[in-house]
Amino acid sequence: MNTEKDDELLRMLSGDLERLDAQYNDISPPSLQGLERLIAEEALRRQLQSRRELQRFLLVALFMVSIVMVSLGLAPVTYWILQAAVPIAGLGCLAVVRLRLRREDAEE
């Protein structure tokens, strides 16, 4: 009984695969010239995209450097305080985390 169902299922699957193969047999591969043109267009598009990204990066970098230079010129004391405060705050946070970890290890 199972063999009849298995045979029927196998016939159905074979028929479906034949129909699928018949549909894809009608598709012809693209020509070599078409593929070469597609590759060249994609390379050009990527090159233009990378140029645009570089231009945007340089524009943002120039803007940020300009802000830093203006702030240095207008308020040098504030600039130097910020330059010192940020690393000190980072090191302070790191020290607090390490102390907490040591206390937790000591409690265990």
N, C-alpha and C. Protein backbone atom coordinates (compact mmCIF):
# COMPACT_ATOMS: atom_id res chain seq x y z
N MET A 1 0.82 -1.19 0.00
CA MET A 1 0.00 0.00 0.00
C MET A 1 0.86 1.25 0.00
N ASN A 2 1.91 1.23 0.81
CA ASN A 2 2.80 2.38 0.84
C ASN A 2 3.56 2.51 -0.47
N THR A 3 3.88 1.40 -1.10
CA THR A 3 4.63 1.48 -2.35
C THR A 3 3.80 2.13 -3.45
N GLU A 4 2.47 1.90 -3.44
CA GLU A 4 1.60 2.54 -4.44
C GLU A 4 1.59 4.05 -4.23
N LYS A 5 1.51 4.49 -2.98
CA LYS A 5 1.52 5.93 -2.68
C LYS A 5 2.88 6.52 -3.03
N ASP A 6 3.92 5.78 -2.71
CA ASP A 6 5.27 6.26 -3.02
C ASP A 6 5.48 6.37 -4.52
N ASP A 7 4.99 5.37 -5.26
CA ASP A 7 5.12 5.42 -6.72
C ASP A 7 4.33 6.58 -7.31
N GLU A 8 3.11 6.79 -6.78
CA GLU A 8 2.29 7.90 -7.28
C GLU A 8 2.96 9.23 -6.97
N LEU A 9 3.48 9.37 -5.76
CA LEU A 9 4.18 10.60 -5.38
C LEU A 9 5.41 10.82 -6.24
N LEU A 10 6.13 9.75 -6.52
CA LEU A 10 7.31 9.85 -7.37
C LEU A 10 6.94 10.27 -8.79
N ARG A 11 5.85 9.74 -9.33
CA ARG A 11 5.38 10.14 -10.66
C ARG A 11 4.97 11.60 -10.68
N MET A 12 4.28 12.04 -9.63
CA MET A 12 3.86 13.44 -9.57
C MET A 12 5.08 14.38 -9.50
N LEU A 13 6.05 14.01 -8.68
CA LEU A 13 7.25 14.83 -8.56
C LEU A 13 8.04 14.85 -9.86
N SER A 14 8.13 13.71 -10.51
CA SER A 14 8.84 13.65 -11.78
C SER A 14 8.16 14.52 -12.83
N GLY A 15 6.83 14.47 -12.86
CA GLY A 15 6.09 15.30 -13.80
C GLY A 15 6.29 16.79 -13.53
N ASP A 16 6.26 17.16 -12.26
CA ASP A 16 6.48 18.57 -11.91
C ASP A 16 7.90 19.02 -12.27
N LEU A 17 8.87 18.15 -12.03
CA LEU A 17 10.24 18.50 -12.39
C LEU A 17 10.41 18.63 -13.90
N GLU A 18 9.73 17.80 -14.66
CA GLU A 18 9.81 17.90 -16.12
C GLU A 18 9.19 19.21 -16.60
N ARG A 19 8.07 19.60 -16.00
CA ARG A 19 7.46 20.88 -16.37
C ARG A 19 8.38 22.05 -16.02
N LEU A 20 9.02 21.98 -14.86
CA LEU A 20 9.94 23.03 -14.44
C LEU A 20 11.13 23.10 -15.39
N ASP A 21 11.68 21.95 -15.75
CA ASP A 21 12.79 21.92 -16.70
C ASP A 21 12.37 22.49 -18.05
N ALA A 22 11.16 22.18 -18.48
CA ALA A 22 10.68 22.68 -19.77
C ALA A 22 10.57 24.21 -19.74
N GLN A 23 10.14 24.77 -18.63
CA GLN A 23 10.04 26.23 -18.54
C GLN A 23 11.41 26.89 -18.59
N TYR A 24 12.40 26.29 -17.93
CA TYR A 24 13.73 26.90 -17.90
C TYR A 24 14.55 26.58 -19.14
N ASN A 25 14.15 25.61 -19.94
CA ASN A 25 14.84 25.34 -21.19
C ASN A 25 14.61 26.44 -22.20
N ASP A 26 13.51 27.16 -22.08
CA ASP A 26 13.20 28.25 -23.01
C ASP A 26 14.08 29.48 -22.76
N ILE A 27 14.69 29.58 -21.60
CA ILE A 27 15.50 30.75 -21.27
C ILE A 27 16.88 30.58 -21.88
N SER A 28 17.27 31.59 -22.65
CA SER A 28 18.60 31.52 -23.26
C SER A 28 19.56 32.36 -22.44
N PRO A 29 20.80 31.94 -22.34
CA PRO A 29 21.78 32.72 -21.58
C PRO A 29 22.09 34.02 -22.31
N PRO A 30 22.46 35.05 -21.57
CA PRO A 30 22.78 36.33 -22.22
C PRO A 30 24.05 36.22 -23.05
N SER A 31 24.18 37.10 -24.00
CA SER A 31 25.35 37.07 -24.86
C SER A 31 26.59 37.56 -24.10
N LEU A 32 27.74 37.25 -24.61
CA LEU A 32 29.00 37.65 -23.99
C LEU A 32 29.13 39.18 -23.98
N GLN A 33 28.73 39.81 -25.08
CA GLN A 33 28.80 41.27 -25.14
C GLN A 33 27.86 41.90 -24.12
N GLY A 34 26.69 41.32 -23.94
CA GLY A 34 25.75 41.84 -22.95
C GLY A 34 26.30 41.73 -21.54
N LEU A 35 26.93 40.59 -21.23
CA LEU A 35 27.53 40.42 -19.91
C LEU A 35 28.69 41.39 -19.70
N GLU A 36 29.53 41.56 -20.72
CA GLU A 36 30.65 42.50 -20.60
C GLU A 36 30.15 43.92 -20.37
N ARG A 37 29.11 44.32 -21.09
CA ARG A 37 28.54 45.66 -20.93
C ARG A 37 27.95 45.81 -19.52
N LEU A 38 27.27 44.79 -19.04
CA LEU A 38 26.69 44.83 -17.69
C LEU A 38 27.78 44.96 -16.63
N ILE A 39 28.87 44.22 -16.79
CA ILE A 39 29.98 44.29 -15.84
C ILE A 39 30.63 45.68 -15.88
N ALA A 40 30.81 46.23 -17.08
CA ALA A 40 31.41 47.56 -17.21
C ALA A 40 30.51 48.62 -16.58
N GLU A 41 29.21 48.53 -16.80
CA GLU A 41 28.28 49.50 -16.20
C GLU A 41 28.29 49.40 -14.68
N GLU A 42 28.33 48.19 -14.16
CA GLU A 42 28.36 48.00 -12.70
C GLU A 42 29.66 48.54 -12.11
N ALA A 43 30.79 48.32 -12.80
CA ALA A 43 32.07 48.84 -12.31
C ALA A 43 32.05 50.36 -12.30
N LEU A 44 31.49 50.97 -13.33
CA LEU A 44 31.38 52.43 -13.38
C LEU A 44 30.48 52.96 -12.28
N ARG A 45 29.36 52.28 -12.05
CA ARG A 45 28.43 52.70 -11.00
C ARG A 45 29.09 52.62 -9.63
N ARG A 46 29.83 51.56 -9.37
CA ARG A 46 30.52 51.42 -8.09
C ARG A 46 31.61 52.48 -7.92
N GLN A 47 32.30 52.79 -8.99
CA GLN A 47 33.34 53.82 -8.93
C GLN A 47 32.73 55.18 -8.61
N LEU A 48 31.62 55.51 -9.25
CA LEU A 48 30.96 56.78 -8.97
C LEU A 48 30.42 56.82 -7.54
N GLN A 49 29.90 55.70 -7.08
CA GLN A 49 29.39 55.63 -5.71
C GLN A 49 30.51 55.81 -4.70
N SER A 50 31.66 55.20 -4.95
CA SER A 50 32.78 55.35 -4.01
C SER A 50 33.30 56.79 -4.02
N ARG A 51 33.29 57.44 -5.17
CA ARG A 51 33.70 58.85 -5.22
C ARG A 51 32.75 59.73 -4.42
N ARG A 52 31.46 59.48 -4.57
CA ARG A 52 30.46 60.26 -3.80
C ARG A 52 30.64 60.05 -2.31
N GLU A 53 30.89 58.81 -1.90
CA GLU A 53 31.09 58.53 -0.48
C GLU A 53 32.34 59.21 0.04
N LEU A 54 33.41 59.21 -0.75
CA LEU A 54 34.64 59.90 -0.34
C LEU A 54 34.41 61.39 -0.23
N GLN A 55 33.68 61.97 -1.18
CA GLN A 55 33.38 63.41 -1.11
C GLN A 55 32.56 63.74 0.14
N ARG A 56 31.58 62.93 0.44
CA ARG A 56 30.77 63.17 1.65
C ARG A 56 31.63 63.06 2.90
N PHE A 57 32.50 62.03 2.95
CA PHE A 57 33.37 61.86 4.10
C PHE A 57 34.27 63.07 4.28
N LEU A 58 34.89 63.53 3.19
CA LEU A 58 35.78 64.68 3.28
C LEU A 58 35.03 65.94 3.70
N LEU A 59 33.81 66.11 3.22
CA LEU A 59 33.00 67.27 3.59
C LEU A 59 32.68 67.25 5.08
N VAL A 60 32.27 66.10 5.60
CA VAL A 60 31.95 65.98 7.03
C VAL A 60 33.22 66.17 7.86
N ALA A 61 34.34 65.60 7.42
CA ALA A 61 35.59 65.75 8.15
C ALA A 61 36.03 67.21 8.17
N LEU A 62 35.93 67.89 7.05
CA LEU A 62 36.29 69.31 6.99
C LEU A 62 35.39 70.14 7.91
N PHE A 63 34.11 69.82 7.93
CA PHE A 63 33.18 70.52 8.81
C PHE A 63 33.55 70.32 10.28
N MET A 64 33.87 69.08 10.65
CA MET A 64 34.21 68.81 12.05
C MET A 64 35.53 69.48 12.45
N VAL A 65 36.52 69.44 11.58
CA VAL A 65 37.79 70.09 11.87
C VAL A 65 37.59 71.60 11.97
N SER A 66 36.74 72.15 11.12
CA SER A 66 36.45 73.59 11.19
C SER A 66 35.80 73.96 12.51
N ILE A 67 34.88 73.14 12.98
CA ILE A 67 34.23 73.41 14.27
C ILE A 67 35.26 73.39 15.39
N VAL A 68 36.15 72.42 15.37
CA VAL A 68 37.18 72.32 16.41
C VAL A 68 38.10 73.54 16.35
N MET A 69 38.50 73.94 15.16
CA MET A 69 39.41 75.08 15.03
C MET A 69 38.73 76.37 15.47
N VAL A 70 37.47 76.55 15.13
CA VAL A 70 36.74 77.75 15.56
C VAL A 70 36.60 77.75 17.07
N SER A 71 36.25 76.62 17.65
CA SER A 71 36.12 76.57 19.11
C SER A 71 37.46 76.81 19.79
N LEU A 72 38.52 76.36 19.20
CA LEU A 72 39.85 76.60 19.76
C LEU A 72 40.19 78.09 19.70
N GLY A 73 39.80 78.73 18.60
CA GLY A 73 40.09 80.16 18.46
C GLY A 73 39.22 81.03 19.34
N LEU A 74 37.96 80.65 19.52
CA LEU A 74 37.04 81.49 20.29
C LEU A 74 37.18 81.30 21.79
N ALA A 75 37.34 80.08 22.21
CA ALA A 75 37.41 79.81 23.64
C ALA A 75 38.47 78.75 23.90
N PRO A 76 39.75 79.12 23.87
CA PRO A 76 40.80 78.12 24.03
C PRO A 76 40.79 77.44 25.39
N VAL A 77 40.42 78.18 26.42
CA VAL A 77 40.41 77.57 27.75
C VAL A 77 39.34 76.48 27.82
N THR A 78 38.17 76.78 27.30
CA THR A 78 37.10 75.79 27.29
C THR A 78 37.50 74.58 26.46
N TYR A 79 38.13 74.82 25.32
CA TYR A 79 38.58 73.72 24.46
C TYR A 79 39.54 72.81 25.21
N TRP A 80 40.52 73.37 25.87
CA TRP A 80 41.51 72.56 26.58
C TRP A 80 40.90 71.86 27.79
N ILE A 81 39.93 72.48 28.42
CA ILE A 81 39.24 71.81 29.54
C ILE A 81 38.50 70.59 29.02
N LEU A 82 37.82 70.75 27.90
CA LEU A 82 37.10 69.61 27.31
C LEU A 82 38.08 68.53 26.85
N GLN A 83 39.19 68.94 26.29
CA GLN A 83 40.19 67.97 25.84
C GLN A 83 40.75 67.17 27.02
N ALA A 84 40.84 67.77 28.18
CA ALA A 84 41.33 67.06 29.36
C ALA A 84 40.22 66.29 30.04
N ALA A 85 39.00 66.83 30.03
CA ALA A 85 37.90 66.22 30.78
C ALA A 85 37.45 64.89 30.17
N VAL A 86 37.42 64.80 28.87
CA VAL A 86 36.91 63.58 28.22
C VAL A 86 37.80 62.37 28.53
N PRO A 87 39.11 62.44 28.36
CA PRO A 87 39.93 61.27 28.72
C PRO A 87 39.91 60.97 30.22
N ILE A 88 39.88 62.01 31.03
CA ILE A 88 39.83 61.79 32.48
C ILE A 88 38.54 61.08 32.86
N ALA A 89 37.42 61.50 32.26
CA ALA A 89 36.14 60.86 32.55
C ALA A 89 36.15 59.40 32.07
N GLY A 90 36.73 59.14 30.92
CA GLY A 90 36.81 57.78 30.42
C GLY A 90 37.66 56.90 31.32
N LEU A 91 38.79 57.40 31.75
CA LEU A 91 39.65 56.63 32.66
C LEU A 91 38.97 56.43 34.01
N GLY A 92 38.23 57.44 34.47
CA GLY A 92 37.50 57.31 35.73
C GLY A 92 36.44 56.22 35.66
N CYS A 93 35.71 56.19 34.57
CA CYS A 93 34.69 55.15 34.40
C CYS A 93 35.34 53.77 34.34
N LEU A 94 36.46 53.66 33.65
CA LEU A 94 37.17 52.39 33.58
C LEU A 94 37.63 51.94 34.97
N ALA A 95 38.13 52.88 35.77
CA ALA A 95 38.58 52.54 37.12
C ALA A 95 37.42 52.08 37.99
N VAL A 96 36.26 52.73 37.87
CA VAL A 96 35.09 52.34 38.65
C VAL A 96 34.65 50.93 38.27
N VAL A 97 34.64 50.62 36.99
CA VAL A 97 34.23 49.29 36.54
C VAL A 97 35.19 48.23 37.08
N ARG A 98 36.48 48.52 37.03
CA ARG A 98 37.46 47.55 37.53
C ARG A 98 37.32 47.34 39.04
N LEU A 99 37.08 48.42 39.78
CA LEU A 99 36.89 48.28 41.23
C LEU A 99 35.66 47.43 41.55
N ARG A 100 34.60 47.65 40.81
CA ARG A 100 33.39 46.85 41.03
C ARG A 100 33.65 45.38 40.73
N LEU A 101 34.36 45.11 39.65
CA LEU A 101 34.66 43.71 39.31
C LEU A 101 35.54 43.06 40.38
N ARG A 102 36.50 43.81 40.91
CA ARG A 102 37.35 43.26 41.97
C ARG A 102 36.54 42.97 43.22
N ARG A 103 35.61 43.86 43.57
CA ARG A 103 34.77 43.63 44.76
C ARG A 103 33.88 42.41 44.56
N GLU A 104 33.33 42.25 43.37
CA GLU A 104 32.48 41.09 43.10
C GLU A 104 33.30 39.80 43.17
N ASP A 105 34.52 39.82 42.66
CA ASP A 105 35.39 38.65 42.71
C ASP A 105 35.77 38.33 44.15
N ALA A 106 36.00 39.38 44.96
CA ALA A 106 36.38 39.18 46.36
C ALA A 106 35.21 38.62 47.16
N GLU A 107 33.99 39.00 46.84
CA GLU A 107 32.81 38.50 47.56
C GLU A 107 32.54 37.04 47.25
N GLU A 108 32.91 36.59 46.09
CA GLU A 108 32.67 35.19 45.71
C GLU A 108 33.69 34.33 46.37
